[in-house]
Amino acid sequence: MRIAIASDHAGFALKVAVVELVRGLGHEVVDFGTHSTAPVDYPDVVQPAAEAVARGECDRGIVIGGSGNGEQIAANKVRGIRCALCWNTTVARLAREHNDANMVSLGERVLGLETALDVVRVFLDTPFDGGRHAQRIAKLE
């Protein structure tokens, strides 16, 4: 899969680890920045990543900030995006199975590194269940 990844300065260190993991799992990474810990406004990096997912240029997206809240909000402003703020693997699994989330948002300041990487693994590996959930997703469009 092609995975869009973006973070603000508060999520930069976690983004570096996530990029390494995603590539190690055999996926292609499209990095929308930021590329340092210098301050940046999260909409400037998150919205282009979300737009790439919405256009189908990337299969899924991962956005990262201090808490992940702002990044989730910015991503969800893009039509066709279903970005879930995930803090554990159960939430990540349900976001994919029930909500067909096409993006995940993570908070570097609130998640431990191993938990964050586990969330990414589950998010990338879990398929959408479809069935009764498909009609609910259709209503979002």
N, C-alpha and C. Protein backbone atom coordinates (compact mmCIF):
# COMPACT_ATOMS: atom_id res chain seq x y z
N MET A 1 0.83 -1.19 0.00
CA MET A 1 0.00 0.00 0.00
C MET A 1 0.87 1.24 0.00
N ARG A 2 0.31 2.32 -0.53
CA ARG A 2 0.94 3.65 -0.43
C ARG A 2 0.33 4.35 0.76
N ILE A 3 1.17 4.78 1.69
CA ILE A 3 0.72 5.37 2.93
C ILE A 3 1.18 6.82 3.01
N ALA A 4 0.21 7.73 3.12
CA ALA A 4 0.51 9.15 3.35
C ALA A 4 0.83 9.34 4.83
N ILE A 5 1.89 10.07 5.10
CA ILE A 5 2.28 10.32 6.49
C ILE A 5 2.60 11.79 6.64
N ALA A 6 2.08 12.38 7.74
CA ALA A 6 2.36 13.78 8.04
C ALA A 6 2.37 13.98 9.54
N SER A 7 3.16 14.93 9.98
CA SER A 7 3.17 15.28 11.41
C SER A 7 3.51 16.75 11.55
N ASP A 8 3.11 17.31 12.68
CA ASP A 8 3.61 18.63 13.02
C ASP A 8 4.91 18.42 13.82
N HIS A 9 5.47 19.51 14.32
CA HIS A 9 6.73 19.43 15.06
C HIS A 9 6.61 18.58 16.32
N ALA A 10 5.44 18.59 16.96
CA ALA A 10 5.26 17.83 18.21
C ALA A 10 5.17 16.33 17.97
N GLY A 11 4.95 15.93 16.72
CA GLY A 11 4.88 14.52 16.39
C GLY A 11 6.04 14.02 15.56
N PHE A 12 7.03 14.89 15.35
CA PHE A 12 8.11 14.55 14.43
C PHE A 12 8.90 13.31 14.83
N ALA A 13 9.27 13.18 16.09
CA ALA A 13 10.08 12.02 16.51
C ALA A 13 9.30 10.72 16.30
N LEU A 14 8.02 10.71 16.61
CA LEU A 14 7.21 9.52 16.39
C LEU A 14 7.06 9.26 14.89
N LYS A 15 6.94 10.32 14.10
CA LYS A 15 6.81 10.13 12.65
C LYS A 15 8.02 9.41 12.09
N VAL A 16 9.20 9.74 12.56
CA VAL A 16 10.42 9.08 12.08
C VAL A 16 10.33 7.57 12.35
N ALA A 17 9.89 7.20 13.54
CA ALA A 17 9.77 5.78 13.89
C ALA A 17 8.67 5.10 13.07
N VAL A 18 7.56 5.80 12.84
CA VAL A 18 6.45 5.23 12.07
C VAL A 18 6.86 5.02 10.62
N VAL A 19 7.57 5.97 10.05
CA VAL A 19 8.05 5.82 8.66
C VAL A 19 8.92 4.58 8.55
N GLU A 20 9.82 4.39 9.49
CA GLU A 20 10.71 3.21 9.48
C GLU A 20 9.88 1.92 9.57
N LEU A 21 8.90 1.90 10.46
CA LEU A 21 8.05 0.72 10.61
C LEU A 21 7.27 0.44 9.33
N VAL A 22 6.63 1.44 8.79
CA VAL A 22 5.78 1.27 7.60
C VAL A 22 6.61 0.75 6.42
N ARG A 23 7.77 1.33 6.23
CA ARG A 23 8.66 0.83 5.16
C ARG A 23 9.10 -0.59 5.44
N GLY A 24 9.40 -0.89 6.70
CA GLY A 24 9.82 -2.24 7.08
C GLY A 24 8.73 -3.28 6.86
N LEU A 25 7.48 -2.84 6.88
CA LEU A 25 6.36 -3.73 6.62
C LEU A 25 6.10 -3.90 5.12
N GLY A 26 6.91 -3.22 4.31
CA GLY A 26 6.81 -3.37 2.86
C GLY A 26 5.89 -2.38 2.16
N HIS A 27 5.48 -1.34 2.86
CA HIS A 27 4.61 -0.33 2.26
C HIS A 27 5.44 0.84 1.75
N GLU A 28 4.89 1.55 0.79
CA GLU A 28 5.51 2.78 0.28
C GLU A 28 5.02 3.95 1.12
N VAL A 29 5.93 4.84 1.49
CA VAL A 29 5.61 6.01 2.29
C VAL A 29 5.65 7.25 1.40
N VAL A 30 4.60 8.06 1.50
CA VAL A 30 4.59 9.39 0.88
C VAL A 30 4.59 10.37 2.05
N ASP A 31 5.71 11.05 2.25
CA ASP A 31 5.94 11.89 3.43
C ASP A 31 5.59 13.34 3.11
N PHE A 32 4.56 13.86 3.79
CA PHE A 32 4.11 15.23 3.58
C PHE A 32 4.72 16.20 4.57
N GLY A 33 5.68 15.74 5.37
CA GLY A 33 6.35 16.62 6.32
C GLY A 33 5.69 16.52 7.69
N THR A 34 6.16 17.26 8.57
CA THR A 34 7.28 18.14 8.57
C THR A 34 8.56 17.32 8.63
N HIS A 35 9.68 17.99 8.45
CA HIS A 35 10.95 17.29 8.38
C HIS A 35 11.92 17.71 9.48
N SER A 36 11.36 18.32 10.54
CA SER A 36 12.19 18.73 11.68
C SER A 36 11.27 19.07 12.85
N THR A 37 11.87 19.48 13.95
CA THR A 37 11.09 19.88 15.11
C THR A 37 10.81 21.39 15.11
N ALA A 38 11.14 22.07 14.03
CA ALA A 38 10.81 23.50 13.92
C ALA A 38 9.29 23.65 13.86
N PRO A 39 8.74 24.63 14.56
CA PRO A 39 7.29 24.79 14.60
C PRO A 39 6.65 24.90 13.22
N VAL A 40 5.52 24.21 13.07
CA VAL A 40 4.74 24.22 11.84
C VAL A 40 3.27 24.11 12.24
N ASP A 41 2.40 24.70 11.45
CA ASP A 41 0.96 24.60 11.70
C ASP A 41 0.47 23.28 11.11
N TYR A 42 -0.14 22.44 11.94
CA TYR A 42 -0.52 21.09 11.50
C TYR A 42 -1.42 21.06 10.27
N PRO A 43 -2.34 22.01 10.05
CA PRO A 43 -3.14 21.91 8.82
C PRO A 43 -2.30 21.98 7.55
N ASP A 44 -1.17 22.65 7.62
CA ASP A 44 -0.32 22.80 6.44
C ASP A 44 0.28 21.48 5.96
N VAL A 45 0.44 20.51 6.85
CA VAL A 45 0.99 19.21 6.46
C VAL A 45 -0.08 18.12 6.42
N VAL A 46 -1.08 18.23 7.28
CA VAL A 46 -2.11 17.19 7.37
C VAL A 46 -3.08 17.26 6.20
N GLN A 47 -3.53 18.44 5.85
CA GLN A 47 -4.52 18.54 4.78
C GLN A 47 -4.02 18.01 3.44
N PRO A 48 -2.79 18.30 3.02
CA PRO A 48 -2.32 17.69 1.77
C PRO A 48 -2.25 16.17 1.84
N ALA A 49 -1.88 15.62 2.99
CA ALA A 49 -1.86 14.16 3.14
C ALA A 49 -3.27 13.60 3.02
N ALA A 50 -4.23 14.23 3.68
CA ALA A 50 -5.63 13.79 3.62
C ALA A 50 -6.17 13.91 2.20
N GLU A 51 -5.83 14.97 1.51
CA GLU A 51 -6.29 15.14 0.13
C GLU A 51 -5.74 14.03 -0.77
N ALA A 52 -4.50 13.61 -0.54
CA ALA A 52 -3.92 12.53 -1.33
C ALA A 52 -4.66 11.22 -1.09
N VAL A 53 -5.07 10.97 0.14
CA VAL A 53 -5.85 9.77 0.44
C VAL A 53 -7.23 9.89 -0.21
N ALA A 54 -7.86 11.03 -0.07
CA ALA A 54 -9.20 11.23 -0.63
C ALA A 54 -9.21 11.07 -2.15
N ARG A 55 -8.14 11.50 -2.81
CA ARG A 55 -8.05 11.38 -4.28
C ARG A 55 -7.67 9.98 -4.72
N GLY A 56 -7.27 9.13 -3.79
CA GLY A 56 -6.87 7.77 -4.14
C GLY A 56 -5.41 7.64 -4.52
N GLU A 57 -4.64 8.70 -4.34
CA GLU A 57 -3.20 8.65 -4.63
C GLU A 57 -2.46 7.85 -3.57
N CYS A 58 -3.01 7.81 -2.37
CA CYS A 58 -2.50 7.00 -1.27
C CYS A 58 -3.66 6.15 -0.76
N ASP A 59 -3.33 4.93 -0.32
CA ASP A 59 -4.36 4.01 0.14
C ASP A 59 -4.87 4.35 1.54
N ARG A 60 -3.97 4.75 2.40
CA ARG A 60 -4.32 5.13 3.77
C ARG A 60 -3.37 6.23 4.22
N GLY A 61 -3.69 6.82 5.36
CA GLY A 61 -2.85 7.89 5.89
C GLY A 61 -2.66 7.79 7.38
N ILE A 62 -1.53 8.31 7.82
CA ILE A 62 -1.18 8.37 9.25
C ILE A 62 -0.75 9.79 9.53
N VAL A 63 -1.41 10.42 10.52
CA VAL A 63 -1.04 11.78 10.91
C VAL A 63 -0.71 11.79 12.39
N ILE A 64 0.25 12.63 12.76
CA ILE A 64 0.79 12.59 14.11
C ILE A 64 1.00 14.01 14.62
N GLY A 65 0.64 14.21 15.87
CA GLY A 65 0.89 15.49 16.54
C GLY A 65 1.20 15.24 17.99
N GLY A 66 1.08 16.28 18.80
CA GLY A 66 1.30 16.12 20.23
C GLY A 66 0.25 15.23 20.85
N SER A 67 -1.02 15.58 20.63
CA SER A 67 -2.13 14.76 21.12
C SER A 67 -2.82 14.00 20.00
N GLY A 68 -2.69 14.46 18.77
CA GLY A 68 -3.38 13.87 17.63
C GLY A 68 -4.75 14.48 17.38
N ASN A 69 -5.24 15.28 18.32
CA ASN A 69 -6.58 15.86 18.17
C ASN A 69 -6.68 16.81 16.99
N GLY A 70 -5.81 17.78 16.92
CA GLY A 70 -5.85 18.76 15.83
C GLY A 70 -5.66 18.10 14.48
N GLU A 71 -4.77 17.13 14.42
CA GLU A 71 -4.50 16.43 13.17
C GLU A 71 -5.73 15.67 12.70
N GLN A 72 -6.43 15.02 13.62
CA GLN A 72 -7.67 14.32 13.26
C GLN A 72 -8.70 15.30 12.74
N ILE A 73 -8.87 16.41 13.41
CA ILE A 73 -9.84 17.41 12.98
C ILE A 73 -9.51 17.93 11.59
N ALA A 74 -8.24 18.27 11.37
CA ALA A 74 -7.83 18.78 10.06
C ALA A 74 -8.06 17.76 8.96
N ALA A 75 -7.72 16.51 9.21
CA ALA A 75 -7.90 15.47 8.20
C ALA A 75 -9.38 15.28 7.88
N ASN A 76 -10.22 15.28 8.91
CA ASN A 76 -11.64 15.04 8.71
C ASN A 76 -12.37 16.19 8.03
N LYS A 77 -11.72 17.30 7.83
CA LYS A 77 -12.30 18.41 7.07
C LYS A 77 -12.31 18.10 5.57
N VAL A 78 -11.51 17.11 5.16
CA VAL A 78 -11.40 16.74 3.75
C VAL A 78 -12.48 15.71 3.43
N ARG A 79 -13.29 16.01 2.42
CA ARG A 79 -14.38 15.11 2.03
C ARG A 79 -13.81 13.73 1.65
N GLY A 80 -14.43 12.69 2.19
CA GLY A 80 -14.01 11.33 1.90
C GLY A 80 -13.05 10.75 2.91
N ILE A 81 -12.64 11.57 3.87
CA ILE A 81 -11.70 11.08 4.89
C ILE A 81 -12.47 10.66 6.14
N ARG A 82 -12.05 9.53 6.68
CA ARG A 82 -12.54 9.02 7.95
C ARG A 82 -11.31 8.76 8.81
N CYS A 83 -10.90 9.78 9.54
CA CYS A 83 -9.68 9.70 10.34
C CYS A 83 -10.05 9.45 11.80
N ALA A 84 -9.50 8.37 12.34
CA ALA A 84 -9.77 7.98 13.72
C ALA A 84 -8.59 8.31 14.62
N LEU A 85 -8.87 8.95 15.74
CA LEU A 85 -7.87 9.19 16.77
C LEU A 85 -7.77 7.91 17.58
N CYS A 86 -6.62 7.25 17.53
CA CYS A 86 -6.48 5.94 18.18
C CYS A 86 -5.44 6.00 19.29
N TRP A 87 -5.79 5.41 20.43
CA TRP A 87 -4.90 5.39 21.58
C TRP A 87 -4.56 3.98 22.02
N ASN A 88 -5.14 2.98 21.36
CA ASN A 88 -4.75 1.60 21.62
C ASN A 88 -5.14 0.73 20.43
N THR A 89 -4.74 -0.52 20.45
CA THR A 89 -4.98 -1.39 19.30
C THR A 89 -6.45 -1.76 19.15
N THR A 90 -7.20 -1.81 20.23
CA THR A 90 -8.63 -2.11 20.13
C THR A 90 -9.34 -1.02 19.35
N VAL A 91 -9.05 0.21 19.67
CA VAL A 91 -9.68 1.33 18.96
C VAL A 91 -9.26 1.33 17.49
N ALA A 92 -8.00 1.04 17.22
CA ALA A 92 -7.52 0.98 15.83
C ALA A 92 -8.21 -0.14 15.06
N ARG A 93 -8.35 -1.30 15.67
CA ARG A 93 -9.01 -2.42 15.00
C ARG A 93 -10.47 -2.09 14.70
N LEU A 94 -11.18 -1.53 15.66
CA LEU A 94 -12.58 -1.18 15.46
C LEU A 94 -12.74 -0.05 14.44
N ALA A 95 -11.80 0.87 14.43
CA ALA A 95 -11.85 1.96 13.44
C ALA A 95 -11.79 1.42 12.02
N ARG A 96 -11.01 0.38 11.82
CA ARG A 96 -10.92 -0.25 10.49
C ARG A 96 -12.11 -1.17 10.25
N GLU A 97 -12.40 -2.07 11.18
CA GLU A 97 -13.45 -3.06 10.96
C GLU A 97 -14.84 -2.44 10.82
N HIS A 98 -15.17 -1.49 11.68
CA HIS A 98 -16.52 -0.94 11.73
C HIS A 98 -16.68 0.37 10.98
N ASN A 99 -15.62 1.19 10.94
CA ASN A 99 -15.73 2.53 10.38
C ASN A 99 -14.98 2.71 9.08
N ASP A 100 -14.27 1.69 8.63
CA ASP A 100 -13.46 1.78 7.42
C ASP A 100 -12.59 3.03 7.43
N ALA A 101 -12.00 3.33 8.60
CA ALA A 101 -11.13 4.50 8.71
C ALA A 101 -10.02 4.39 7.68
N ASN A 102 -9.83 5.47 6.93
CA ASN A 102 -8.76 5.48 5.94
C ASN A 102 -7.55 6.28 6.41
N MET A 103 -7.68 6.88 7.59
CA MET A 103 -6.55 7.57 8.20
C MET A 103 -6.60 7.32 9.71
N VAL A 104 -5.44 7.36 10.32
CA VAL A 104 -5.33 7.25 11.77
C VAL A 104 -4.53 8.43 12.27
N SER A 105 -4.92 8.94 13.44
CA SER A 105 -4.21 10.04 14.07
C SER A 105 -3.63 9.55 15.39
N LEU A 106 -2.38 9.92 15.64
CA LEU A 106 -1.66 9.50 16.84
C LEU A 106 -1.10 10.71 17.57
N GLY A 107 -0.99 10.60 18.89
CA GLY A 107 -0.40 11.66 19.70
C GLY A 107 0.91 11.22 20.31
N GLU A 108 2.00 11.86 19.90
CA GLU A 108 3.32 11.50 20.42
C GLU A 108 3.43 11.73 21.93
N ARG A 109 2.77 12.78 22.41
CA ARG A 109 2.89 13.13 23.84
C ARG A 109 2.01 12.28 24.74
N VAL A 110 1.10 11.49 24.15
CA VAL A 110 0.17 10.73 24.98
C VAL A 110 0.27 9.22 24.78
N LEU A 111 1.03 8.78 23.78
CA LEU A 111 1.21 7.35 23.51
C LEU A 111 2.67 6.98 23.71
N GLY A 112 2.89 5.83 24.29
CA GLY A 112 4.25 5.30 24.32
C GLY A 112 4.61 4.83 22.92
N LEU A 113 5.90 4.75 22.65
CA LEU A 113 6.37 4.38 21.31
C LEU A 113 5.85 3.01 20.89
N GLU A 114 5.96 2.01 21.73
CA GLU A 114 5.53 0.66 21.35
C GLU A 114 4.03 0.60 21.11
N THR A 115 3.26 1.29 21.93
CA THR A 115 1.81 1.33 21.72
C THR A 115 1.50 1.98 20.38
N ALA A 116 2.15 3.09 20.09
CA ALA A 116 1.91 3.80 18.83
C ALA A 116 2.24 2.90 17.63
N LEU A 117 3.35 2.20 17.70
CA LEU A 117 3.74 1.32 16.59
C LEU A 117 2.78 0.14 16.46
N ASP A 118 2.30 -0.38 17.59
CA ASP A 118 1.30 -1.44 17.55
C ASP A 118 0.00 -0.96 16.91
N VAL A 119 -0.40 0.27 17.22
CA VAL A 119 -1.60 0.85 16.63
C VAL A 119 -1.45 0.93 15.12
N VAL A 120 -0.28 1.36 14.66
CA VAL A 120 -0.03 1.46 13.22
C VAL A 120 -0.12 0.07 12.57
N ARG A 121 0.50 -0.92 13.18
CA ARG A 121 0.44 -2.28 12.63
C ARG A 121 -1.00 -2.76 12.48
N VAL A 122 -1.79 -2.59 13.52
CA VAL A 122 -3.18 -3.03 13.49
C VAL A 122 -3.97 -2.23 12.45
N PHE A 123 -3.75 -0.94 12.39
CA PHE A 123 -4.44 -0.10 11.42
C PHE A 123 -4.15 -0.55 9.98
N LEU A 124 -2.91 -0.89 9.70
CA LEU A 124 -2.53 -1.30 8.35
C LEU A 124 -2.97 -2.73 8.03
N ASP A 125 -3.05 -3.59 9.03
CA ASP A 125 -3.36 -5.01 8.79
C ASP A 125 -4.85 -5.36 8.83
N THR A 126 -5.67 -4.51 9.40
CA THR A 126 -7.07 -4.85 9.63
C THR A 126 -7.94 -4.44 8.44
N PRO A 127 -8.71 -5.38 7.91
CA PRO A 127 -9.63 -5.05 6.82
C PRO A 127 -10.96 -4.49 7.36
N PHE A 128 -11.71 -3.85 6.48
CA PHE A 128 -13.06 -3.39 6.78
C PHE A 128 -13.99 -4.60 6.75
N ASP A 129 -14.86 -4.72 7.75
CA ASP A 129 -15.79 -5.85 7.82
C ASP A 129 -16.91 -5.76 6.80
N GLY A 130 -17.25 -4.56 6.35
CA GLY A 130 -18.36 -4.41 5.42
C GLY A 130 -19.66 -4.78 6.09
N GLY A 131 -20.52 -5.53 5.38
CA GLY A 131 -21.79 -5.98 5.95
C GLY A 131 -22.62 -4.83 6.49
N ARG A 132 -23.10 -5.00 7.71
CA ARG A 132 -23.98 -4.00 8.32
C ARG A 132 -23.31 -2.64 8.47
N HIS A 133 -21.98 -2.63 8.47
CA HIS A 133 -21.25 -1.37 8.63
C HIS A 133 -21.22 -0.56 7.33
N ALA A 134 -21.33 -1.22 6.20
CA ALA A 134 -21.22 -0.54 4.90
C ALA A 134 -22.31 0.51 4.72
N GLN A 135 -23.53 0.20 5.13
CA GLN A 135 -24.62 1.16 4.96
C GLN A 135 -24.40 2.40 5.81
N ARG A 136 -23.77 2.23 6.95
CA ARG A 136 -23.48 3.38 7.83
C ARG A 136 -22.41 4.27 7.21
N ILE A 137 -21.40 3.64 6.64
CA ILE A 137 -20.34 4.40 5.98
C ILE A 137 -20.91 5.15 4.78
N ALA A 138 -21.80 4.52 4.03
CA ALA A 138 -22.42 5.16 2.87
C ALA A 138 -23.18 6.43 3.29
N LYS A 139 -23.76 6.44 4.46
CA LYS A 139 -24.50 7.62 4.93
C LYS A 139 -23.57 8.80 5.21
N LEU A 140 -22.32 8.53 5.44
CA LEU A 140 -21.36 9.61 5.69
C LEU A 140 -21.03 10.37 4.41
N GLU A 141 -21.17 9.70 3.29
CA GLU A 141 -20.86 10.33 2.00
C GLU A 141 -21.97 11.25 1.58
